[in-house]
Amino acid sequence: MNIGLLARIEAKPEYADKVEALLREALQLAREEEHTVTWFAFRESATVFGVFDTFENEEGRTGHLQGRIAAALMEAAETMLSSAPDIRPVDLLAVKLP
């Protein structure tokens, strides 16, 4: 894996629990994605969440951005998020895994 995505997601306070549930449920979708090597969802504060995922190549990253998780986030953005998710491509410089 040498590339990834880092997403910052800010929920409206009244929807924070629903956004958390959406991200927990998205784990199964990530497991089904052939080209997603690693996938992490996390919480920074009461309303701020994030996702970090990695891929072997640009094809995998592009496929993920066109997949079901991204679609669910964009749908949630309309009602549950304070703004559209801030999704940024990243290049991995060093990795340590178990």
PDB file of N, CA and C in Angstrom:
ATOM      1  N   MET A   1       0.842  -1.166   0.000  1.00  0.00           N
ATOM      2  CA  MET A   1       0.000   0.000   0.000  1.00  0.00           C
ATOM      3  C   MET A   1       0.885   1.225   0.000  1.00  0.00           C
ATOM      4  N   ASN A   2       0.548   2.171  -0.846  1.00  0.00           N
ATOM      5  CA  ASN A   2       1.372   3.362  -0.896  1.00  0.00           C
ATOM      6  C   ASN A   2       0.577   4.657  -1.046  1.00  0.00           C
ATOM      7  N   ILE A   3      -0.725   4.558  -1.131  1.00  0.00           N
ATOM      8  CA  ILE A   3      -1.557   5.756  -1.191  1.00  0.00           C
ATOM      9  C   ILE A   3      -2.776   5.575  -0.294  1.00  0.00           C
ATOM     10  N   GLY A   4      -3.425   6.691   0.041  1.00  0.00           N
ATOM     11  CA  GLY A   4      -4.586   6.610   0.911  1.00  0.00           C
ATOM     12  C   GLY A   4      -5.522   7.784   0.739  1.00  0.00           C
ATOM     13  N   LEU A   5      -6.498   7.812   1.605  1.00  0.00           N
ATOM     14  CA  LEU A   5      -7.457   8.907   1.699  1.00  0.00           C
ATOM     15  C   LEU A   5      -7.630   9.245   3.165  1.00  0.00           C
ATOM     16  N   LEU A   6      -7.727  10.528   3.450  1.00  0.00           N
ATOM     17  CA  LEU A   6      -8.019  10.997   4.797  1.00  0.00           C
ATOM     18  C   LEU A   6      -9.254  11.879   4.696  1.00  0.00           C
ATOM     19  N   ALA A   7     -10.299  11.495   5.402  1.00  0.00           N
ATOM     20  CA  ALA A   7     -11.565  12.231   5.351  1.00  0.00           C
ATOM     21  C   ALA A   7     -11.902  12.782   6.727  1.00  0.00           C
ATOM     22  N   ARG A   8     -12.332  14.013   6.747  1.00  0.00           N
ATOM     23  CA  ARG A   8     -12.827  14.648   7.983  1.00  0.00           C
ATOM     24  C   ARG A   8     -14.315  14.874   7.793  1.00  0.00           C
ATOM     25  N   ILE A   9     -15.087  14.450   8.773  1.00  0.00           N
ATOM     26  CA  ILE A   9     -16.543  14.474   8.691  1.00  0.00           C
ATOM     27  C   ILE A   9     -17.083  15.170   9.926  1.00  0.00           C
ATOM     28  N   GLU A  10     -17.829  16.241   9.746  1.00  0.00           N
ATOM     29  CA  GLU A  10     -18.398  16.955  10.890  1.00  0.00           C
ATOM     30  C   GLU A  10     -19.912  16.832  10.875  1.00  0.00           C
ATOM     31  N   ALA A  11     -20.434  16.190  11.909  1.00  0.00           N
ATOM     32  CA  ALA A  11     -21.873  15.960  12.033  1.00  0.00           C
ATOM     33  C   ALA A  11     -22.556  17.156  12.684  1.00  0.00           C
ATOM     34  N   LYS A  12     -23.800  17.372  12.328  1.00  0.00           N
ATOM     35  CA  LYS A  12     -24.620  18.294  13.101  1.00  0.00           C
ATOM     36  C   LYS A  12     -24.818  17.639  14.463  1.00  0.00           C
ATOM     37  N   PRO A  13     -24.794  18.417  15.544  1.00  0.00           N
ATOM     38  CA  PRO A  13     -24.861  17.808  16.883  1.00  0.00           C
ATOM     39  C   PRO A  13     -26.006  16.816  17.069  1.00  0.00           C
ATOM     40  N   GLU A  14     -27.169  17.115  16.531  1.00  0.00           N
ATOM     41  CA  GLU A  14     -28.310  16.223  16.716  1.00  0.00           C
ATOM     42  C   GLU A  14     -28.205  14.917  15.921  1.00  0.00           C
ATOM     43  N   TYR A  15     -27.223  14.824  15.006  1.00  0.00           N
ATOM     44  CA  TYR A  15     -27.047  13.621  14.193  1.00  0.00           C
ATOM     45  C   TYR A  15     -25.744  12.878  14.494  1.00  0.00           C
ATOM     46  N   ALA A  16     -25.010  13.298  15.503  1.00  0.00           N
ATOM     47  CA  ALA A  16     -23.709  12.685  15.780  1.00  0.00           C
ATOM     48  C   ALA A  16     -23.816  11.171  16.005  1.00  0.00           C
ATOM     49  N   ASP A  17     -24.810  10.730  16.746  1.00  0.00           N
ATOM     50  CA  ASP A  17     -24.966   9.295  16.987  1.00  0.00           C
ATOM     51  C   ASP A  17     -25.269   8.532  15.702  1.00  0.00           C
ATOM     52  N   LYS A  18     -26.040   9.137  14.822  1.00  0.00           N
ATOM     53  CA  LYS A  18     -26.362   8.482  13.549  1.00  0.00           C
ATOM     54  C   LYS A  18     -25.140   8.411  12.636  1.00  0.00           C
ATOM     55  N   VAL A  19     -24.316   9.440  12.652  1.00  0.00           N
ATOM     56  CA  VAL A  19     -23.092   9.415  11.852  1.00  0.00           C
ATOM     57  C   VAL A  19     -22.144   8.349  12.399  1.00  0.00           C
ATOM     58  N   GLU A  20     -22.040   8.245  13.717  1.00  0.00           N
ATOM     59  CA  GLU A  20     -21.221   7.185  14.312  1.00  0.00           C
ATOM     60  C   GLU A  20     -21.724   5.813  13.853  1.00  0.00           C
ATOM     61  N   ALA A  21     -23.008   5.604  13.898  1.00  0.00           N
ATOM     62  CA  ALA A  21     -23.579   4.320  13.474  1.00  0.00           C
ATOM     63  C   ALA A  21     -23.303   4.063  11.993  1.00  0.00           C
ATOM     64  N   LEU A  22     -23.423   5.081  11.180  1.00  0.00           N
ATOM     65  CA  LEU A  22     -23.157   4.944   9.744  1.00  0.00           C
ATOM     66  C   LEU A  22     -21.721   4.487   9.518  1.00  0.00           C
ATOM     67  N   LEU A  23     -20.779   5.082  10.242  1.00  0.00           N
ATOM     68  CA  LEU A  23     -19.378   4.696  10.078  1.00  0.00           C
ATOM     69  C   LEU A  23     -19.110   3.297  10.609  1.00  0.00           C
ATOM     70  N   ARG A  24     -19.724   2.937  11.714  1.00  0.00           N
ATOM     71  CA  ARG A  24     -19.547   1.565  12.230  1.00  0.00           C
ATOM     72  C   ARG A  24     -20.082   0.541  11.227  1.00  0.00           C
ATOM     73  N   GLU A  25     -21.222   0.837  10.630  1.00  0.00           N
ATOM     74  CA  GLU A  25     -21.819  -0.077   9.645  1.00  0.00           C
ATOM     75  C   GLU A  25     -21.016  -0.111   8.350  1.00  0.00           C
ATOM     76  N   ALA A  26     -20.309   0.958   8.035  1.00  0.00           N
ATOM     77  CA  ALA A  26     -19.524   1.019   6.798  1.00  0.00           C
ATOM     78  C   ALA A  26     -18.343   0.047   6.825  1.00  0.00           C
ATOM     79  N   LEU A  27     -17.953  -0.418   7.997  1.00  0.00           N
ATOM     80  CA  LEU A  27     -16.857  -1.375   8.079  1.00  0.00           C
ATOM     81  C   LEU A  27     -17.126  -2.597   7.206  1.00  0.00           C
ATOM     82  N   GLN A  28     -18.324  -3.094   7.229  1.00  0.00           N
ATOM     83  CA  GLN A  28     -18.639  -4.266   6.403  1.00  0.00           C
ATOM     84  C   GLN A  28     -18.485  -3.951   4.915  1.00  0.00           C
ATOM     85  N   LEU A  29     -18.897  -2.761   4.513  1.00  0.00           N
ATOM     86  CA  LEU A  29     -18.733  -2.366   3.111  1.00  0.00           C
ATOM     87  C   LEU A  29     -17.247  -2.292   2.744  1.00  0.00           C
ATOM     88  N   ALA A  30     -16.434  -1.762   3.650  1.00  0.00           N
ATOM     89  CA  ALA A  30     -14.992  -1.679   3.400  1.00  0.00           C
ATOM     90  C   ALA A  30     -14.389  -3.072   3.256  1.00  0.00           C
ATOM     91  N   ARG A  31     -14.850  -4.007   4.072  1.00  0.00           N
ATOM     92  CA  ARG A  31     -14.347  -5.388   3.984  1.00  0.00           C
ATOM     93  C   ARG A  31     -14.658  -6.008   2.629  1.00  0.00           C
ATOM     94  N   GLU A  32     -15.748  -5.583   2.018  1.00  0.00           N
ATOM     95  CA  GLU A  32     -16.164  -6.133   0.723  1.00  0.00           C
ATOM     96  C   GLU A  32     -15.425  -5.507  -0.453  1.00  0.00           C
ATOM     97  N   GLU A  33     -14.740  -4.398  -0.226  1.00  0.00           N
ATOM     98  CA  GLU A  33     -14.014  -3.731  -1.308  1.00  0.00           C
ATOM     99  C   GLU A  33     -12.680  -4.433  -1.541  1.00  0.00           C
ATOM    100  N   GLU A  34     -12.531  -4.963  -2.709  1.00  0.00           N
ATOM    101  CA  GLU A  34     -11.352  -5.757  -3.047  1.00  0.00           C
ATOM    102  C   GLU A  34     -10.053  -4.954  -2.958  1.00  0.00           C
ATOM    103  N   HIS A  35     -10.071  -3.684  -3.324  1.00  0.00           N
ATOM    104  CA  HIS A  35      -8.837  -2.905  -3.420  1.00  0.00           C
ATOM    105  C   HIS A  35      -8.574  -2.006  -2.218  1.00  0.00           C
ATOM    106  N   THR A  36      -9.437  -2.043  -1.207  1.00  0.00           N
ATOM    107  CA  THR A  36      -9.180  -1.287   0.012  1.00  0.00           C
ATOM    108  C   THR A  36      -8.338  -2.172   0.925  1.00  0.00           C
ATOM    109  N   VAL A  37      -7.097  -1.743   1.177  1.00  0.00           N
ATOM    110  CA  VAL A  37      -6.172  -2.556   1.970  1.00  0.00           C
ATOM    111  C   VAL A  37      -6.480  -2.414   3.456  1.00  0.00           C
ATOM    112  N   THR A  38      -6.530  -1.173   3.952  1.00  0.00           N
ATOM    113  CA  THR A  38      -6.889  -0.923   5.351  1.00  0.00           C
ATOM    114  C   THR A  38      -7.946   0.166   5.389  1.00  0.00           C
ATOM    115  N   TRP A  39      -8.760   0.140   6.439  1.00  0.00           N
ATOM    116  CA  TRP A  39      -9.843   1.124   6.586  1.00  0.00           C
ATOM    117  C   TRP A  39     -10.059   1.371   8.070  1.00  0.00           C
ATOM    118  N   PHE A  40     -10.008   2.634   8.449  1.00  0.00           N
ATOM    119  CA  PHE A  40     -10.192   3.027   9.842  1.00  0.00           C
ATOM    120  C   PHE A  40     -11.229   4.141   9.913  1.00  0.00           C
ATOM    121  N   ALA A  41     -12.164   4.021  10.818  1.00  0.00           N
ATOM    122  CA  ALA A  41     -13.086   5.114  11.136  1.00  0.00           C
ATOM    123  C   ALA A  41     -12.787   5.529  12.571  1.00  0.00           C
ATOM    124  N   PHE A  42     -12.811   6.826  12.831  1.00  0.00           N
ATOM    125  CA  PHE A  42     -12.471   7.305  14.170  1.00  0.00           C
ATOM    126  C   PHE A  42     -13.297   8.536  14.521  1.00  0.00           C
ATOM    127  N   ARG A  43     -13.245   8.868  15.798  1.00  0.00           N
ATOM    128  CA  ARG A  43     -13.969  10.033  16.313  1.00  0.00           C
ATOM    129  C   ARG A  43     -12.955  10.958  16.970  1.00  0.00           C
ATOM    130  N   GLU A  44     -12.981  12.241  16.592  1.00  0.00           N
ATOM    131  CA  GLU A  44     -12.085  13.235  17.178  1.00  0.00           C
ATOM    132  C   GLU A  44     -12.742  13.967  18.339  1.00  0.00           C
ATOM    133  N   SER A  45     -14.025  14.219  18.238  1.00  0.00           N
ATOM    134  CA  SER A  45     -14.748  14.954  19.277  1.00  0.00           C
ATOM    135  C   SER A  45     -16.212  14.546  19.201  1.00  0.00           C
ATOM    136  N   ALA A  46     -17.057  15.240  19.914  1.00  0.00           N
ATOM    137  CA  ALA A  46     -18.483  14.886  19.948  1.00  0.00           C
ATOM    138  C   ALA A  46     -19.116  14.891  18.563  1.00  0.00           C
ATOM    139  N   THR A  47     -18.657  15.763  17.684  1.00  0.00           N
ATOM    140  CA  THR A  47     -19.291  15.869  16.366  1.00  0.00           C
ATOM    141  C   THR A  47     -18.333  15.677  15.193  1.00  0.00           C
ATOM    142  N   VAL A  48     -17.049  15.495  15.459  1.00  0.00           N
ATOM    143  CA  VAL A  48     -16.079  15.369  14.365  1.00  0.00           C
ATOM    144  C   VAL A  48     -15.573  13.927  14.280  1.00  0.00           C
ATOM    145  N   PHE A  49     -15.676  13.374  13.079  1.00  0.00           N
ATOM    146  CA  PHE A  49     -15.285  12.003  12.789  1.00  0.00           C
ATOM    147  C   PHE A  49     -14.280  12.001  11.648  1.00  0.00           C
ATOM    148  N   GLY A  50     -13.694  10.868  11.412  1.00  0.00           N
ATOM    149  CA  GLY A  50     -12.782  10.747  10.291  1.00  0.00           C
ATOM    150  C   GLY A  50     -12.695   9.331   9.792  1.00  0.00           C
ATOM    151  N   VAL A  51     -12.167   9.221   8.588  1.00  0.00           N
ATOM    152  CA  VAL A  51     -11.894   7.920   7.980  1.00  0.00           C
ATOM    153  C   VAL A  51     -10.512   8.013   7.345  1.00  0.00           C
ATOM    154  N   PHE A  52      -9.714   6.971   7.545  1.00  0.00           N
ATOM    155  CA  PHE A  52      -8.422   6.847   6.875  1.00  0.00           C
ATOM    156  C   PHE A  52      -8.386   5.473   6.245  1.00  0.00           C
ATOM    157  N   ASP A  53      -8.073   5.427   4.969  1.00  0.00           N
ATOM    158  CA  ASP A  53      -7.986   4.146   4.287  1.00  0.00           C
ATOM    159  C   ASP A  53      -6.811   4.141   3.326  1.00  0.00           C
ATOM    160  N   THR A  54      -6.349   2.934   2.977  1.00  0.00           N
ATOM    161  CA  THR A  54      -5.177   2.798   2.117  1.00  0.00           C
ATOM    162  C   THR A  54      -5.467   1.866   0.948  1.00  0.00           C
ATOM    163  N   PHE A  55      -4.640   2.058  -0.096  1.00  0.00           N
ATOM    164  CA  PHE A  55      -4.824   1.333  -1.353  1.00  0.00           C
ATOM    165  C   PHE A  55      -3.460   1.058  -1.971  1.00  0.00           C
ATOM    166  N   GLU A  56      -3.396   0.038  -2.803  1.00  0.00           N
ATOM    167  CA  GLU A  56      -2.158  -0.290  -3.503  1.00  0.00           C
ATOM    168  C   GLU A  56      -1.901   0.638  -4.676  1.00  0.00           C
ATOM    169  N   ASN A  57      -2.988   1.119  -5.293  1.00  0.00           N
ATOM    170  CA  ASN A  57      -2.817   1.915  -6.505  1.00  0.00           C
ATOM    171  C   ASN A  57      -3.977   2.900  -6.683  1.00  0.00           C
ATOM    172  N   GLU A  58      -3.824   3.765  -7.665  1.00  0.00           N
ATOM    173  CA  GLU A  58      -4.832   4.794  -7.920  1.00  0.00           C
ATOM    174  C   GLU A  58      -6.172   4.193  -8.344  1.00  0.00           C
ATOM    175  N   GLU A  59      -6.134   3.077  -9.030  1.00  0.00           N
ATOM    176  CA  GLU A  59      -7.370   2.409  -9.437  1.00  0.00           C
ATOM    177  C   GLU A  59      -8.207   2.032  -8.216  1.00  0.00           C
ATOM    178  N   GLY A  60      -7.551   1.508  -7.179  1.00  0.00           N
ATOM    179  CA  GLY A  60      -8.263   1.152  -5.950  1.00  0.00           C
ATOM    180  C   GLY A  60      -8.825   2.361  -5.243  1.00  0.00           C
ATOM    181  N   ARG A  61      -8.044   3.431  -5.185  1.00  0.00           N
ATOM    182  CA  ARG A  61      -8.508   4.647  -4.523  1.00  0.00           C
ATOM    183  C   ARG A  61      -9.689   5.258  -5.274  1.00  0.00           C
ATOM    184  N   THR A  62      -9.588   5.318  -6.592  1.00  0.00           N
ATOM    185  CA  THR A  62     -10.682   5.863  -7.391  1.00  0.00           C
ATOM    186  C   THR A  62     -11.936   5.014  -7.255  1.00  0.00           C
ATOM    187  N   GLY A  63     -11.769   3.699  -7.258  1.00  0.00           N
ATOM    188  CA  GLY A  63     -12.913   2.807  -7.093  1.00  0.00           C
ATOM    189  C   GLY A  63     -13.598   3.007  -5.753  1.00  0.00           C
ATOM    190  N   HIS A  64     -12.805   3.224  -4.726  1.00  0.00           N
ATOM    191  CA  HIS A  64     -13.374   3.466  -3.392  1.00  0.00           C
ATOM    192  C   HIS A  64     -14.174   4.762  -3.382  1.00  0.00           C
ATOM    193  N   LEU A  65     -13.646   5.799  -4.003  1.00  0.00           N
ATOM    194  CA  LEU A  65     -14.347   7.089  -4.048  1.00  0.00           C
ATOM    195  C   LEU A  65     -15.659   7.011  -4.821  1.00  0.00           C
ATOM    196  N   GLN A  66     -15.777   6.018  -5.679  1.00  0.00           N
ATOM    197  CA  GLN A  66     -17.003   5.823  -6.453  1.00  0.00           C
ATOM    198  C   GLN A  66     -17.887   4.732  -5.853  1.00  0.00           C
ATOM    199  N   GLY A  67     -17.511   4.241  -4.688  1.00  0.00           N
ATOM    200  CA  GLY A  67     -18.196   3.107  -4.086  1.00  0.00           C
ATOM    201  C   GLY A  67     -19.319   3.470  -3.131  1.00  0.00           C
ATOM    202  N   ARG A  68     -19.784   2.458  -2.429  1.00  0.00           N
ATOM    203  CA  ARG A  68     -20.964   2.580  -1.568  1.00  0.00           C
ATOM    204  C   ARG A  68     -20.725   3.420  -0.328  1.00  0.00           C
ATOM    205  N   ILE A  69     -19.515   3.381   0.244  1.00  0.00           N
ATOM    206  CA  ILE A  69     -19.238   4.176   1.440  1.00  0.00           C
ATOM    207  C   ILE A  69     -19.277   5.663   1.100  1.00  0.00           C
ATOM    208  N   ALA A  70     -18.603   6.039   0.026  1.00  0.00           N
ATOM    209  CA  ALA A  70     -18.609   7.445  -0.388  1.00  0.00           C
ATOM    210  C   ALA A  70     -20.020   7.908  -0.715  1.00  0.00           C
ATOM    211  N   ALA A  71     -20.790   7.057  -1.356  1.00  0.00           N
ATOM    212  CA  ALA A  71     -22.174   7.412  -1.687  1.00  0.00           C
ATOM    213  C   ALA A  71     -22.994   7.634  -0.423  1.00  0.00           C
ATOM    214  N   ALA A  72     -22.802   6.793   0.584  1.00  0.00           N
ATOM    215  CA  ALA A  72     -23.538   6.946   1.843  1.00  0.00           C
ATOM    216  C   ALA A  72     -23.153   8.240   2.544  1.00  0.00           C
ATOM    217  N   LEU A  73     -21.871   8.583   2.520  1.00  0.00           N
ATOM    218  CA  LEU A  73     -21.427   9.835   3.146  1.00  0.00           C
ATOM    219  C   LEU A  73     -22.008  11.052   2.426  1.00  0.00           C
ATOM    220  N   MET A  74     -22.014  11.014   1.120  1.00  0.00           N
ATOM    221  CA  MET A  74     -22.548  12.152   0.373  1.00  0.00           C
ATOM    222  C   MET A  74     -24.055  12.285   0.592  1.00  0.00           C
ATOM    223  N   GLU A  75     -24.738  11.167   0.725  1.00  0.00           N
ATOM    224  CA  GLU A  75     -26.170  11.212   1.019  1.00  0.00           C
ATOM    225  C   GLU A  75     -26.404  11.785   2.423  1.00  0.00           C
ATOM    226  N   ALA A  76     -25.578  11.371   3.368  1.00  0.00           N
ATOM    227  CA  ALA A  76     -25.699  11.873   4.742  1.00  0.00           C
ATOM    228  C   ALA A  76     -25.398  13.363   4.813  1.00  0.00           C
ATOM    229  N   ALA A  77     -24.520  13.833   3.935  1.00  0.00           N
ATOM    230  CA  ALA A  77     -24.126  15.242   3.957  1.00  0.00           C
ATOM    231  C   ALA A  77     -25.326  16.163   3.820  1.00  0.00           C
ATOM    232  N   GLU A  78     -26.312  15.739   3.094  1.00  0.00           N
ATOM    233  CA  GLU A  78     -27.478  16.581   2.848  1.00  0.00           C
ATOM    234  C   GLU A  78     -28.240  16.911   4.125  1.00  0.00           C
ATOM    235  N   THR A  79     -28.283  15.981   5.067  1.00  0.00           N
ATOM    236  CA  THR A  79     -29.086  16.217   6.272  1.00  0.00           C
ATOM    237  C   THR A  79     -28.298  16.123   7.572  1.00  0.00           C
ATOM    238  N   MET A  80     -27.355  15.211   7.671  1.00  0.00           N
ATOM    239  CA  MET A  80     -26.708  14.919   8.952  1.00  0.00           C
ATOM    240  C   MET A  80     -25.381  15.642   9.189  1.00  0.00           C
ATOM    241  N   LEU A  81     -24.762  16.172   8.131  1.00  0.00           N
ATOM    242  CA  LEU A  81     -23.445  16.774   8.279  1.00  0.00           C
ATOM    243  C   LEU A  81     -23.516  18.296   8.222  1.00  0.00           C
ATOM    244  N   SER A  82     -22.581  18.933   8.909  1.00  0.00           N
ATOM    245  CA  SER A  82     -22.496  20.393   8.897  1.00  0.00           C
ATOM    246  C   SER A  82     -22.045  20.912   7.539  1.00  0.00           C
ATOM    247  N   SER A  83     -21.264  20.104   6.835  1.00  0.00           N
ATOM    248  CA  SER A  83     -20.788  20.437   5.496  1.00  0.00           C
ATOM    249  C   SER A  83     -20.385  19.138   4.805  1.00  0.00           C
ATOM    250  N   ALA A  84     -20.077  19.234   3.542  1.00  0.00           N
ATOM    251  CA  ALA A  84     -19.643  18.040   2.806  1.00  0.00           C
ATOM    252  C   ALA A  84     -18.360  17.498   3.429  1.00  0.00           C
ATOM    253  N   PRO A  85     -18.161  16.185   3.415  1.00  0.00           N
ATOM    254  CA  PRO A  85     -16.925  15.624   3.955  1.00  0.00           C
ATOM    255  C   PRO A  85     -15.706  16.215   3.247  1.00  0.00           C
ATOM    256  N   ASP A  86     -14.652  16.477   4.012  1.00  0.00           N
ATOM    257  CA  ASP A  86     -13.391  16.966   3.459  1.00  0.00           C
ATOM    258  C   ASP A  86     -12.528  15.734   3.217  1.00  0.00           C
ATOM    259  N   ILE A  87     -12.418  15.308   1.962  1.00  0.00           N
ATOM    260  CA  ILE A  87     -11.709  14.085   1.602  1.00  0.00           C
ATOM    261  C   ILE A  87     -10.453  14.460   0.835  1.00  0.00           C
ATOM    262  N   ARG A  88      -9.310  14.019   1.357  1.00  0.00           N
ATOM    263  CA  ARG A  88      -8.028  14.385   0.764  1.00  0.00           C
ATOM    264  C   ARG A  88      -7.201  13.142   0.429  1.00  0.00           C
ATOM    265  N   PRO A  89      -6.650  13.096  -0.783  1.00  0.00           N
ATOM    266  CA  PRO A  89      -5.736  12.008  -1.114  1.00  0.00           C
ATOM    267  C   PRO A  89      -4.402  12.231  -0.406  1.00  0.00           C
ATOM    268  N   VAL A  90      -3.766  11.150   0.025  1.00  0.00           N
ATOM    269  CA  VAL A  90      -2.460  11.226   0.674  1.00  0.00           C
ATOM    270  C   VAL A  90      -1.537  10.158   0.085  1.00  0.00           C
ATOM    271  N   ASP A  91      -0.246  10.454   0.112  1.00  0.00           N
ATOM    272  CA  ASP A  91       0.780   9.483  -0.252  1.00  0.00           C
ATOM    273  C   ASP A  91       1.414   8.989   1.043  1.00  0.00           C
ATOM    274  N   LEU A  92       1.524   7.697   1.201  1.00  0.00           N
ATOM    275  CA  LEU A  92       2.101   7.118   2.408  1.00  0.00           C
ATOM    276  C   LEU A  92       3.627   7.112   2.300  1.00  0.00           C
ATOM    277  N   LEU A  93       4.285   7.608   3.306  1.00  0.00           N
ATOM    278  CA  LEU A  93       5.741   7.654   3.326  1.00  0.00           C
ATOM    279  C   LEU A  93       6.351   6.478   4.073  1.00  0.00           C
ATOM    280  N   ALA A  94       5.676   6.027   5.130  1.00  0.00           N
ATOM    281  CA  ALA A  94       6.153   4.900   5.925  1.00  0.00           C
ATOM    282  C   ALA A  94       4.935   4.266   6.593  1.00  0.00           C
ATOM    283  N   VAL A  95       4.988   2.962   6.765  1.00  0.00           N
ATOM    284  CA  VAL A  95       3.849   2.228   7.337  1.00  0.00           C
ATOM    285  C   VAL A  95       4.377   1.178   8.310  1.00  0.00           C
ATOM    286  N   LYS A  96       3.705   1.052   9.452  1.00  0.00           N
ATOM    287  CA  LYS A  96       3.981  -0.047  10.388  1.00  0.00           C
ATOM    288  C   LYS A  96       2.659  -0.737  10.671  1.00  0.00           C
ATOM    289  N   LEU A  97       2.591  -1.993  10.398  1.00  0.00           N
ATOM    290  CA  LEU A  97       1.411  -2.806  10.668  1.00  0.00           C
ATOM    291  C   LEU A  97       1.822  -3.987  11.547  1.00  0.00           C
ATOM    292  N   PRO A  98       0.855  -4.581  12.260  1.00  0.00           N
ATOM    293  CA  PRO A  98       1.201  -5.744  13.085  1.00  0.00           C
ATOM    294  C   PRO A  98       1.705  -6.905  12.238  1.00  0.00           C
TER     295      PRO A  98
END
